[in-house]
């Protein structure tokens, strides 16, 4: 798993401790049925103003699927 090459366009990346914290928050959101998955769902929630934060995977292929999300999230939520 550590030998995967990460696209240089994927920035910023979370360190190990932040990754654990993010995974805990995602698991809690899933338990409360508050989790939405996928670039399309993330776009919809950002446009509607109901997203609190967005988690993007650095190993998405092709990464261009996610590159519009930081522009949408910049003024609205943390990403």
PDB file of N, CA and C in Angstrom:
ATOM      1  N   UNK A   1       0.821  -1.177   0.000  1.00  0.00           N
ATOM      2  CA  UNK A   1       0.000   0.000   0.000  1.00  0.00           C
ATOM      3  C   UNK A   1       0.868   1.245   0.000  1.00  0.00           C
ATOM      4  N   UNK A   2       2.019   1.229   0.622  1.00  0.00           N
ATOM      5  CA  UNK A   2       2.880   2.393   0.683  1.00  0.00           C
ATOM      6  C   UNK A   2       3.657   2.618  -0.597  1.00  0.00           C
ATOM      7  N   UNK A   3       3.636   1.666  -1.530  1.00  0.00           N
ATOM      8  CA  UNK A   3       4.412   1.792  -2.757  1.00  0.00           C
ATOM      9  C   UNK A   3       3.635   2.469  -3.881  1.00  0.00           C
ATOM     10  N   UNK A   4       2.392   2.902  -3.608  1.00  0.00           N
ATOM     11  CA  UNK A   4       1.594   3.539  -4.643  1.00  0.00           C
ATOM     12  C   UNK A   4       2.141   4.921  -4.963  1.00  0.00           C
ATOM     13  N   UNK A   5       2.101   5.279  -6.221  1.00  0.00           N
ATOM     14  CA  UNK A   5       2.555   6.586  -6.650  1.00  0.00           C
ATOM     15  C   UNK A   5       1.369   7.547  -6.591  1.00  0.00           C
ATOM     16  N   UNK A   6       1.577   8.675  -5.926  1.00  0.00           N
ATOM     17  CA  UNK A   6       0.515   9.663  -5.777  1.00  0.00           C
ATOM     18  C   UNK A   6       0.711  10.742  -6.828  1.00  0.00           C
ATOM     19  N   UNK A   7      -0.356  11.104  -7.477  1.00  0.00           N
ATOM     20  CA  UNK A   7      -0.331  12.146  -8.497  1.00  0.00           C
ATOM     21  C   UNK A   7       0.108  13.466  -7.859  1.00  0.00           C
ATOM     22  N   UNK A   8       1.051  14.190  -8.462  1.00  0.00           N
ATOM     23  CA  UNK A   8       1.501  15.456  -7.874  1.00  0.00           C
ATOM     24  C   UNK A   8       0.419  16.532  -7.836  1.00  0.00           C
ATOM     25  N   UNK A   9      -0.661  16.355  -8.593  1.00  0.00           N
ATOM     26  CA  UNK A   9      -1.772  17.308  -8.546  1.00  0.00           C
ATOM     27  C   UNK A   9      -2.573  17.162  -7.255  1.00  0.00           C
ATOM     28  N   UNK A  10      -2.420  16.035  -6.561  1.00  0.00           N
ATOM     29  CA  UNK A  10      -3.151  15.773  -5.320  1.00  0.00           C
ATOM     30  C   UNK A  10      -2.435  16.487  -4.175  1.00  0.00           C
ATOM     31  N   UNK A  11      -2.884  17.681  -3.869  1.00  0.00           N
ATOM     32  CA  UNK A  11      -2.263  18.487  -2.825  1.00  0.00           C
ATOM     33  C   UNK A  11      -3.342  19.299  -2.143  1.00  0.00           C
ATOM     34  N   UNK A  12      -3.366  19.463  -0.874  1.00  0.00           N
ATOM     35  CA  UNK A  12      -2.477  18.938   0.167  1.00  0.00           C
ATOM     36  C   UNK A  12      -2.847  17.507   0.555  1.00  0.00           C
ATOM     37  N   UNK A  13      -1.873  16.789   1.056  1.00  0.00           N
ATOM     38  CA  UNK A  13      -2.087  15.424   1.526  1.00  0.00           C
ATOM     39  C   UNK A  13      -2.080  15.414   3.050  1.00  0.00           C
ATOM     40  N   UNK A  14      -2.880  14.567   3.637  1.00  0.00           N
ATOM     41  CA  UNK A  14      -2.949  14.442   5.094  1.00  0.00           C
ATOM     42  C   UNK A  14      -1.796  13.573   5.591  1.00  0.00           C
ATOM     43  N   UNK A  15      -1.239  13.950   6.742  1.00  0.00           N
ATOM     44  CA  UNK A  15      -0.219  13.101   7.358  1.00  0.00           C
ATOM     45  C   UNK A  15      -0.910  11.919   8.045  1.00  0.00           C
ATOM     46  N   UNK A  16      -0.129  11.031   8.663  1.00  0.00           N
ATOM     47  CA  UNK A  16      -0.682   9.800   9.229  1.00  0.00           C
ATOM     48  C   UNK A  16      -1.695  10.075  10.342  1.00  0.00           C
ATOM     49  N   UNK A  17      -1.392  10.999  11.248  1.00  0.00           N
ATOM     50  CA  UNK A  17      -2.305  11.287  12.359  1.00  0.00           C
ATOM     51  C   UNK A  17      -3.607  11.910  11.859  1.00  0.00           C
ATOM     52  N   UNK A  18      -3.506  12.828  10.918  1.00  0.00           N
ATOM     53  CA  UNK A  18      -4.703  13.454  10.366  1.00  0.00           C
ATOM     54  C   UNK A  18      -5.542  12.444   9.597  1.00  0.00           C
ATOM     55  N   UNK A  19      -4.898  11.506   8.929  1.00  0.00           N
ATOM     56  CA  UNK A  19      -5.619  10.455   8.203  1.00  0.00           C
ATOM     57  C   UNK A  19      -6.465   9.621   9.162  1.00  0.00           C
ATOM     58  N   UNK A  20      -5.916   9.290  10.315  1.00  0.00           N
ATOM     59  CA  UNK A  20      -6.660   8.517  11.314  1.00  0.00           C
ATOM     60  C   UNK A  20      -7.866   9.316  11.806  1.00  0.00           C
ATOM     61  N   UNK A  21      -7.659  10.597  12.065  1.00  0.00           N
ATOM     62  CA  UNK A  21      -8.750  11.457  12.525  1.00  0.00           C
ATOM     63  C   UNK A  21      -9.847  11.567  11.471  1.00  0.00           C
ATOM     64  N   UNK A  22      -9.454  11.741  10.219  1.00  0.00           N
ATOM     65  CA  UNK A  22     -10.425  11.839   9.125  1.00  0.00           C
ATOM     66  C   UNK A  22     -11.214  10.542   8.999  1.00  0.00           C
ATOM     67  N   UNK A  23     -10.532   9.407   9.079  1.00  0.00           N
ATOM     68  CA  UNK A  23     -11.223   8.119   8.980  1.00  0.00           C
ATOM     69  C   UNK A  23     -12.208   7.926  10.130  1.00  0.00           C
ATOM     70  N   UNK A  24     -11.856   8.380  11.325  1.00  0.00           N
ATOM     71  CA  UNK A  24     -12.791   8.302  12.451  1.00  0.00           C
ATOM     72  C   UNK A  24     -14.039   9.138  12.184  1.00  0.00           C
ATOM     73  N   UNK A  25     -13.860  10.349  11.672  1.00  0.00           N
ATOM     74  CA  UNK A  25     -15.001  11.221  11.374  1.00  0.00           C
ATOM     75  C   UNK A  25     -15.871  10.612  10.280  1.00  0.00           C
ATOM     76  N   UNK A  26     -15.246  10.031   9.273  1.00  0.00           N
ATOM     77  CA  UNK A  26     -16.002   9.403   8.178  1.00  0.00           C
ATOM     78  C   UNK A  26     -16.795   8.217   8.706  1.00  0.00           C
ATOM     79  N   UNK A  27     -16.199   7.426   9.595  1.00  0.00           N
ATOM     80  CA  UNK A  27     -16.925   6.294  10.170  1.00  0.00           C
ATOM     81  C   UNK A  27     -18.112   6.758  11.013  1.00  0.00           C
ATOM     82  N   UNK A  28     -17.935   7.837  11.776  1.00  0.00           N
ATOM     83  CA  UNK A  28     -19.047   8.372  12.556  1.00  0.00           C
ATOM     84  C   UNK A  28     -20.165   8.869  11.645  1.00  0.00           C
ATOM     85  N   UNK A  29     -19.790   9.551  10.563  1.00  0.00           N
ATOM     86  CA  UNK A  29     -20.795  10.042   9.615  1.00  0.00           C
ATOM     87  C   UNK A  29     -21.547   8.877   8.979  1.00  0.00           C
ATOM     88  N   UNK A  30     -20.846   7.798   8.674  1.00  0.00           N
ATOM     89  CA  UNK A  30     -21.492   6.624   8.089  1.00  0.00           C
ATOM     90  C   UNK A  30     -22.466   5.993   9.095  1.00  0.00           C
ATOM     91  N   UNK A  31     -22.088   5.963  10.367  1.00  0.00           N
ATOM     92  CA  UNK A  31     -22.966   5.388  11.393  1.00  0.00           C
ATOM     93  C   UNK A  31     -24.248   6.194  11.551  1.00  0.00           C
ATOM     94  N   UNK A  32     -24.163   7.506  11.378  1.00  0.00           N
ATOM     95  CA  UNK A  32     -25.341   8.366  11.492  1.00  0.00           C
ATOM     96  C   UNK A  32     -26.048   8.580  10.153  1.00  0.00           C
ATOM     97  N   UNK A  33     -25.613   7.841   9.138  1.00  0.00           N
ATOM     98  CA  UNK A  33     -26.191   7.928   7.792  1.00  0.00           C
ATOM     99  C   UNK A  33     -26.127   9.354   7.235  1.00  0.00           C
ATOM    100  N   UNK A  34     -25.010  10.028   7.496  1.00  0.00           N
ATOM    101  CA  UNK A  34     -24.779  11.389   7.025  1.00  0.00           C
ATOM    102  C   UNK A  34     -23.751  11.426   5.895  1.00  0.00           C
ATOM    103  N   UNK A  35     -23.263  10.285   5.483  1.00  0.00           N
ATOM    104  CA  UNK A  35     -22.168  10.203   4.525  1.00  0.00           C
ATOM    105  C   UNK A  35     -22.683  10.123   3.097  1.00  0.00           C
ATOM    106  N   UNK A  36     -22.078  10.897   2.210  1.00  0.00           N
ATOM    107  CA  UNK A  36     -22.363  10.825   0.774  1.00  0.00           C
ATOM    108  C   UNK A  36     -21.051  10.483   0.083  1.00  0.00           C
ATOM    109  N   UNK A  37     -21.109   9.574  -0.896  1.00  0.00           N
ATOM    110  CA  UNK A  37     -19.902   9.118  -1.569  1.00  0.00           C
ATOM    111  C   UNK A  37     -19.946   9.472  -3.041  1.00  0.00           C
ATOM    112  N   UNK A  38     -18.805   9.866  -3.561  1.00  0.00           N
ATOM    113  CA  UNK A  38     -18.673  10.119  -4.984  1.00  0.00           C
ATOM    114  C   UNK A  38     -18.557  11.597  -5.317  1.00  0.00           C
ATOM    115  N   UNK A  39     -17.931  11.868  -6.444  1.00  0.00           N
ATOM    116  CA  UNK A  39     -17.721  13.247  -6.884  1.00  0.00           C
ATOM    117  C   UNK A  39     -19.038  13.944  -7.200  1.00  0.00           C
ATOM    118  N   UNK A  40     -19.976  13.228  -7.794  1.00  0.00           N
ATOM    119  CA  UNK A  40     -21.272  13.850  -8.122  1.00  0.00           C
ATOM    120  C   UNK A  40     -22.044  14.233  -6.867  1.00  0.00           C
ATOM    121  N   UNK A  41     -22.073  13.355  -5.878  1.00  0.00           N
ATOM    122  CA  UNK A  41     -22.762  13.652  -4.621  1.00  0.00           C
ATOM    123  C   UNK A  41     -22.078  14.801  -3.891  1.00  0.00           C
ATOM    124  N   UNK A  42     -20.752  14.835  -3.923  1.00  0.00           N
ATOM    125  CA  UNK A  42     -20.024  15.931  -3.284  1.00  0.00           C
ATOM    126  C   UNK A  42     -20.353  17.259  -3.956  1.00  0.00           C
ATOM    127  N   UNK A  43     -20.433  17.260  -5.273  1.00  0.00           N
ATOM    128  CA  UNK A  43     -20.783  18.476  -6.003  1.00  0.00           C
ATOM    129  C   UNK A  43     -22.190  18.941  -5.636  1.00  0.00           C
ATOM    130  N   UNK A  44     -23.127  17.999  -5.575  1.00  0.00           N
ATOM    131  CA  UNK A  44     -24.508  18.356  -5.224  1.00  0.00           C
ATOM    132  C   UNK A  44     -24.588  18.965  -3.830  1.00  0.00           C
ATOM    133  N   UNK A  45     -23.922  18.347  -2.856  1.00  0.00           N
ATOM    134  CA  UNK A  45     -24.006  18.865  -1.492  1.00  0.00           C
ATOM    135  C   UNK A  45     -23.314  20.213  -1.356  1.00  0.00           C
ATOM    136  N   UNK A  46     -22.249  20.425  -2.102  1.00  0.00           N
ATOM    137  CA  UNK A  46     -21.585  21.734  -2.074  1.00  0.00           C
ATOM    138  C   UNK A  46     -22.486  22.805  -2.671  1.00  0.00           C
ATOM    139  N   UNK A  47     -23.105  22.496  -3.793  1.00  0.00           N
ATOM    140  CA  UNK A  47     -23.981  23.475  -4.438  1.00  0.00           C
ATOM    141  C   UNK A  47     -25.206  23.793  -3.589  1.00  0.00           C
ATOM    142  N   UNK A  48     -25.707  22.801  -2.864  1.00  0.00           N
ATOM    143  CA  UNK A  48     -26.876  23.015  -2.003  1.00  0.00           C
ATOM    144  C   UNK A  48     -26.513  23.677  -0.678  1.00  0.00           C
ATOM    145  N   UNK A  49     -25.224  23.709  -0.352  1.00  0.00           N
ATOM    146  CA  UNK A  49     -24.783  24.332   0.886  1.00  0.00           C
ATOM    147  C   UNK A  49     -24.958  23.470   2.118  1.00  0.00           C
ATOM    148  N   UNK A  50     -25.059  22.154   1.957  1.00  0.00           N
ATOM    149  CA  UNK A  50     -25.259  21.282   3.110  1.00  0.00           C
ATOM    150  C   UNK A  50     -24.008  20.484   3.474  1.00  0.00           C
ATOM    151  N   UNK A  51     -22.940  20.602   2.700  1.00  0.00           N
ATOM    152  CA  UNK A  51     -21.696  19.884   2.999  1.00  0.00           C
ATOM    153  C   UNK A  51     -20.961  20.595   4.132  1.00  0.00           C
ATOM    154  N   UNK A  52     -20.418  19.817   5.072  1.00  0.00           N
ATOM    155  CA  UNK A  52     -19.624  20.384   6.151  1.00  0.00           C
ATOM    156  C   UNK A  52     -18.141  20.234   5.882  1.00  0.00           C
ATOM    157  N   UNK A  53     -17.753  19.119   5.289  1.00  0.00           N
ATOM    158  CA  UNK A  53     -16.388  18.953   4.825  1.00  0.00           C
ATOM    159  C   UNK A  53     -16.350  17.892   3.740  1.00  0.00           C
ATOM    160  N   UNK A  54     -15.304  17.953   2.931  1.00  0.00           N
ATOM    161  CA  UNK A  54     -15.141  17.053   1.799  1.00  0.00           C
ATOM    162  C   UNK A  54     -13.813  16.310   1.965  1.00  0.00           C
ATOM    163  N   UNK A  55     -13.836  14.999   1.787  1.00  0.00           N
ATOM    164  CA  UNK A  55     -12.622  14.187   1.797  1.00  0.00           C
ATOM    165  C   UNK A  55     -12.422  13.679   0.381  1.00  0.00           C
ATOM    166  N   UNK A  56     -11.248  13.958  -0.171  1.00  0.00           N
ATOM    167  CA  UNK A  56     -10.944  13.524  -1.537  1.00  0.00           C
ATOM    168  C   UNK A  56      -9.787  12.531  -1.511  1.00  0.00           C
ATOM    169  N   UNK A  57      -9.898  11.476  -2.293  1.00  0.00           N
ATOM    170  CA  UNK A  57      -8.855  10.452  -2.361  1.00  0.00           C
ATOM    171  C   UNK A  57      -7.769  10.870  -3.351  1.00  0.00           C
ATOM    172  N   UNK A  58      -6.517  10.750  -2.923  1.00  0.00           N
ATOM    173  CA  UNK A  58      -5.395  11.137  -3.780  1.00  0.00           C
ATOM    174  C   UNK A  58      -5.117  10.086  -4.854  1.00  0.00           C
ATOM    175  N   UNK A  59      -5.669   8.882  -4.700  1.00  0.00           N
ATOM    176  CA  UNK A  59      -5.402   7.820  -5.670  1.00  0.00           C
ATOM    177  C   UNK A  59      -6.536   7.637  -6.669  1.00  0.00           C
ATOM    178  N   UNK A  60      -7.380   8.635  -6.819  1.00  0.00           N
ATOM    179  CA  UNK A  60      -8.477   8.573  -7.782  1.00  0.00           C
ATOM    180  C   UNK A  60      -7.913   8.547  -9.202  1.00  0.00           C
ATOM    181  N   UNK A  61      -8.463   7.686 -10.031  1.00  0.00           N
ATOM    182  CA  UNK A  61      -8.043   7.604 -11.435  1.00  0.00           C
ATOM    183  C   UNK A  61      -9.228   7.850 -12.328  1.00  0.00           C
ATOM    184  N   UNK A  62      -9.253   8.774 -13.181  1.00  0.00           N
ATOM    185  CA  UNK A  62      -8.328   9.897 -13.321  1.00  0.00           C
ATOM    186  C   UNK A  62      -8.631  10.953 -12.258  1.00  0.00           C
ATOM    187  N   UNK A  63      -7.596  11.605 -11.777  1.00  0.00           N
ATOM    188  CA  UNK A  63      -7.731  12.596 -10.714  1.00  0.00           C
ATOM    189  C   UNK A  63      -8.547  13.798 -11.154  1.00  0.00           C
ATOM    190  N   UNK A  64      -8.635  14.034 -12.438  1.00  0.00           N
ATOM    191  CA  UNK A  64      -9.378  15.185 -12.957  1.00  0.00           C
ATOM    192  C   UNK A  64     -10.853  15.151 -12.570  1.00  0.00           C
ATOM    193  N   UNK A  65     -11.348  13.974 -12.190  1.00  0.00           N
ATOM    194  CA  UNK A  65     -12.733  13.849 -11.742  1.00  0.00           C
ATOM    195  C   UNK A  65     -12.972  14.722 -10.513  1.00  0.00           C
ATOM    196  N   UNK A  66     -11.945  14.868  -9.670  1.00  0.00           N
ATOM    197  CA  UNK A  66     -12.089  15.593  -8.409  1.00  0.00           C
ATOM    198  C   UNK A  66     -11.570  17.023  -8.435  1.00  0.00           C
ATOM    199  N   UNK A  67     -10.895  17.418  -9.476  1.00  0.00           N
ATOM    200  CA  UNK A  67     -10.197  18.700  -9.451  1.00  0.00           C
ATOM    201  C   UNK A  67     -11.113  19.918  -9.416  1.00  0.00           C
ATOM    202  N   UNK A  68     -12.393  19.752  -9.705  1.00  0.00           N
ATOM    203  CA  UNK A  68     -13.315  20.891  -9.603  1.00  0.00           C
ATOM    204  C   UNK A  68     -13.803  21.103  -8.172  1.00  0.00           C
ATOM    205  N   UNK A  69     -13.680  20.092  -7.323  1.00  0.00           N
ATOM    206  CA  UNK A  69     -14.200  20.189  -5.963  1.00  0.00           C
ATOM    207  C   UNK A  69     -13.498  21.243  -5.099  1.00  0.00           C
ATOM    208  N   UNK A  70     -12.172  21.377  -5.152  1.00  0.00           N
ATOM    209  CA  UNK A  70     -11.554  22.443  -4.348  1.00  0.00           C
ATOM    210  C   UNK A  70     -12.045  23.835  -4.729  1.00  0.00           C
ATOM    211  N   UNK A  71     -12.335  24.049  -5.997  1.00  0.00           N
ATOM    212  CA  UNK A  71     -12.852  25.357  -6.416  1.00  0.00           C
ATOM    213  C   UNK A  71     -14.235  25.618  -5.828  1.00  0.00           C
ATOM    214  N   UNK A  72     -15.078  24.597  -5.802  1.00  0.00           N
ATOM    215  CA  UNK A  72     -16.406  24.741  -5.207  1.00  0.00           C
ATOM    216  C   UNK A  72     -16.334  24.874  -3.686  1.00  0.00           C
ATOM    217  N   UNK A  73     -15.414  24.116  -3.075  1.00  0.00           N
ATOM    218  CA  UNK A  73     -15.343  24.070  -1.619  1.00  0.00           C
ATOM    219  C   UNK A  73     -14.575  25.243  -1.019  1.00  0.00           C
ATOM    220  N   UNK A  74     -13.832  25.959  -1.823  1.00  0.00           N
ATOM    221  CA  UNK A  74     -12.926  26.991  -1.318  1.00  0.00           C
ATOM    222  C   UNK A  74     -13.632  28.004  -0.418  1.00  0.00           C
ATOM    223  N   UNK A  75     -14.774  28.489  -0.814  1.00  0.00           N
ATOM    224  CA  UNK A  75     -15.472  29.500  -0.040  1.00  0.00           C
ATOM    225  C   UNK A  75     -16.497  28.909   0.922  1.00  0.00           C
ATOM    226  N   UNK A  76     -16.818  27.624   0.777  1.00  0.00           N
ATOM    227  CA  UNK A  76     -17.944  27.070   1.523  1.00  0.00           C
ATOM    228  C   UNK A  76     -17.529  26.178   2.685  1.00  0.00           C
ATOM    229  N   UNK A  77     -16.606  25.239   2.458  1.00  0.00           N
ATOM    230  CA  UNK A  77     -16.253  24.257   3.485  1.00  0.00           C
ATOM    231  C   UNK A  77     -14.762  23.943   3.429  1.00  0.00           C
ATOM    232  N   UNK A  78     -14.300  23.205   4.436  1.00  0.00           N
ATOM    233  CA  UNK A  78     -12.937  22.722   4.427  1.00  0.00           C
ATOM    234  C   UNK A  78     -12.815  21.495   3.546  1.00  0.00           C
ATOM    235  N   UNK A  79     -11.683  21.313   2.954  1.00  0.00           N
ATOM    236  CA  UNK A  79     -11.455  20.123   2.122  1.00  0.00           C
ATOM    237  C   UNK A  79     -10.082  19.572   2.372  1.00  0.00           C
TER     238      UNK A  79
END
